[in-house]
Protein backbone atom coordinates (compact mmCIF):
# COMPACT_ATOMS: atom_id res chain seq x y z
CA MET A 1 0.00 0.00 0.00
CA ILE A 2 1.21 3.49 -0.86
CA LYS A 3 1.63 5.97 2.00
CA PRO A 4 -0.65 9.04 2.03
CA LEU A 5 0.66 12.33 0.68
CA PRO A 6 2.78 14.03 3.39
CA ARG A 7 0.50 16.01 5.71
CA ARG A 8 3.03 18.86 5.93
CA LEU A 9 2.31 19.57 2.23
CA LEU A 10 -1.49 19.59 2.60
CA ILE A 11 -1.76 23.12 3.99
CA HIS A 12 -4.65 24.59 2.02
CA SER A 13 -8.44 24.68 2.12
CA CYS A 14 -11.03 25.72 -0.47
CA THR A 15 -14.75 25.74 -1.17
CA ILE A 16 -16.27 23.64 -3.94
CA ILE A 17 -19.60 24.82 -5.28
CA ARG A 18 -21.70 22.06 -6.79
CA LEU A 19 -23.64 23.49 -9.71
CA GLY A 20 -27.05 22.29 -10.89
CA LYS A 21 -28.08 21.40 -14.42
CA PRO A 22 -28.16 24.23 -16.96
CA ASP A 23 -31.47 26.02 -17.44
CA LYS A 24 -32.86 26.81 -20.90
CA TRP A 25 -30.44 29.78 -21.20
CA GLY A 26 -27.42 27.67 -20.25
CA ASN A 27 -26.97 29.17 -16.78
CA ARG A 28 -26.13 26.80 -13.96
CA THR A 29 -27.31 27.68 -10.47
CA GLU A 30 -25.50 26.93 -7.25
CA LYS A 31 -26.83 23.78 -5.59
CA ARG A 32 -24.62 23.49 -2.50
CA SER A 33 -21.10 24.20 -1.33
CA THR A 34 -18.59 22.04 0.51
CA ASP A 35 -15.44 23.16 2.32
CA LEU A 36 -12.38 20.98 1.66
CA SER A 37 -9.41 21.05 4.00
CA VAL A 38 -6.03 19.29 4.31
CA ILE A 39 -5.48 19.64 0.56
CA ARG A 40 -2.88 21.32 -1.64
CA ILE A 41 -3.46 23.72 -4.50
CA GLU A 42 -0.66 24.80 -6.83
CA THR A 43 -1.52 27.82 -8.98
CA THR A 44 0.12 28.95 -12.22
CA ASP A 45 -0.15 32.01 -14.45
CA GLU A 46 -0.13 31.35 -18.16
CA ARG A 47 0.37 33.90 -20.92
CA THR A 48 -0.18 33.17 -24.58
CA GLN A 49 0.10 35.37 -27.63
CA ASP A 50 -1.40 34.98 -31.06
CA LYS A 51 -1.80 37.37 -33.98
CA GLN A 52 -4.80 39.04 -32.35
CA ASN A 53 -3.61 39.73 -28.80
CA THR A 54 -1.99 38.50 -25.63
CA SER A 55 -4.11 36.63 -23.15
CA LYS A 56 -3.50 35.71 -19.55
CA ALA A 57 -5.06 32.69 -17.88
CA LYS A 58 -4.88 31.40 -14.34
CA SER A 59 -4.93 27.69 -13.68
CA ALA A 60 -4.27 25.39 -10.75
CA VAL A 61 -4.03 21.78 -9.65
CA LEU A 62 -5.85 20.60 -6.52
CA TYR A 63 -4.35 17.59 -4.68
CA TYR A 64 -6.86 15.63 -2.56
CA ASP A 65 -5.49 12.76 -0.44
CA CYS A 66 -7.99 9.93 0.06
CA VAL A 67 -6.77 9.29 3.64
CA LEU A 68 -6.01 12.74 5.07
CA SER A 69 -8.15 15.28 3.17
CA LYS A 70 -11.50 16.33 4.62
CA PRO A 71 -14.31 15.54 4.10
CA ALA A 72 -13.35 11.94 3.42
CA GLY A 73 -14.71 10.33 0.27
CA TYR A 74 -15.56 13.55 -1.56
CA THR A 75 -16.67 13.00 -5.17
CA PHE A 76 -15.46 15.59 -7.69
CA ARG A 77 -17.56 16.55 -10.74
CA LEU A 78 -16.48 18.23 -13.96
CA GLY A 79 -17.69 21.80 -14.29
CA ASP A 80 -18.11 22.49 -10.57
CA ARG A 81 -16.59 25.71 -9.23
CA VAL A 82 -13.68 25.93 -6.78
CA THR A 83 -13.02 29.08 -4.75
CA PHE A 84 -9.45 29.41 -3.48
CA GLU A 85 -7.89 32.60 -2.05
CA GLY A 86 -10.74 34.70 -3.43
CA LYS A 87 -10.44 33.41 -7.00
CA ASP A 88 -12.91 31.14 -8.80
CA TYR A 89 -11.82 28.19 -10.91
CA ASN A 90 -13.74 25.51 -12.82
CA ILE A 91 -12.96 21.80 -12.62
CA GLN A 92 -11.70 20.76 -16.08
CA LYS A 93 -10.08 17.36 -15.50
CA ILE A 94 -10.09 14.79 -12.69
CA ARG A 95 -7.33 12.20 -12.37
CA ARG A 96 -7.49 9.39 -9.79
CA PHE A 97 -4.30 7.62 -8.73
CA ASP A 98 -4.64 4.22 -7.10
CA THR A 99 -3.35 0.71 -6.70
CA ASN A 100 -6.09 -1.39 -5.09
CA LYS A 101 -8.09 1.56 -3.78
CA PRO A 102 -7.96 5.31 -4.47
CA HIS A 103 -4.78 6.98 -3.20
CA HIS A 104 -5.23 10.62 -4.25
CA TYR A 105 -6.87 12.84 -6.85
CA GLU A 106 -5.29 15.54 -8.99
CA VAL A 107 -7.98 17.97 -10.13
CA GLU A 108 -7.09 20.44 -12.90
CA LEU A 109 -8.69 23.86 -12.51
CA THR A 110 -8.98 26.74 -14.96
């Protein structure tokens, strides 16, 4: 069995906002929010340039340990919103790492 991610690295917390199904105009309303703790979030700034202009995007990766992170057993969903340090991100990709049972999740945010 693989050891959990080191607790000394899991120093962050965030709020995940579960969004409902889109209405007829494509807007998704907030269903409920959950506070996650004992996680890690690594943010990056990305700049790209094309012929039209320069754009700046913020992205991040959320690390959720299946043993230490709270609440235990949280289920991530694509498209839900994550609020971290006053900035909102959307869940774009969810990767689960495991051997016999889930070890940790890496959740890509944009």
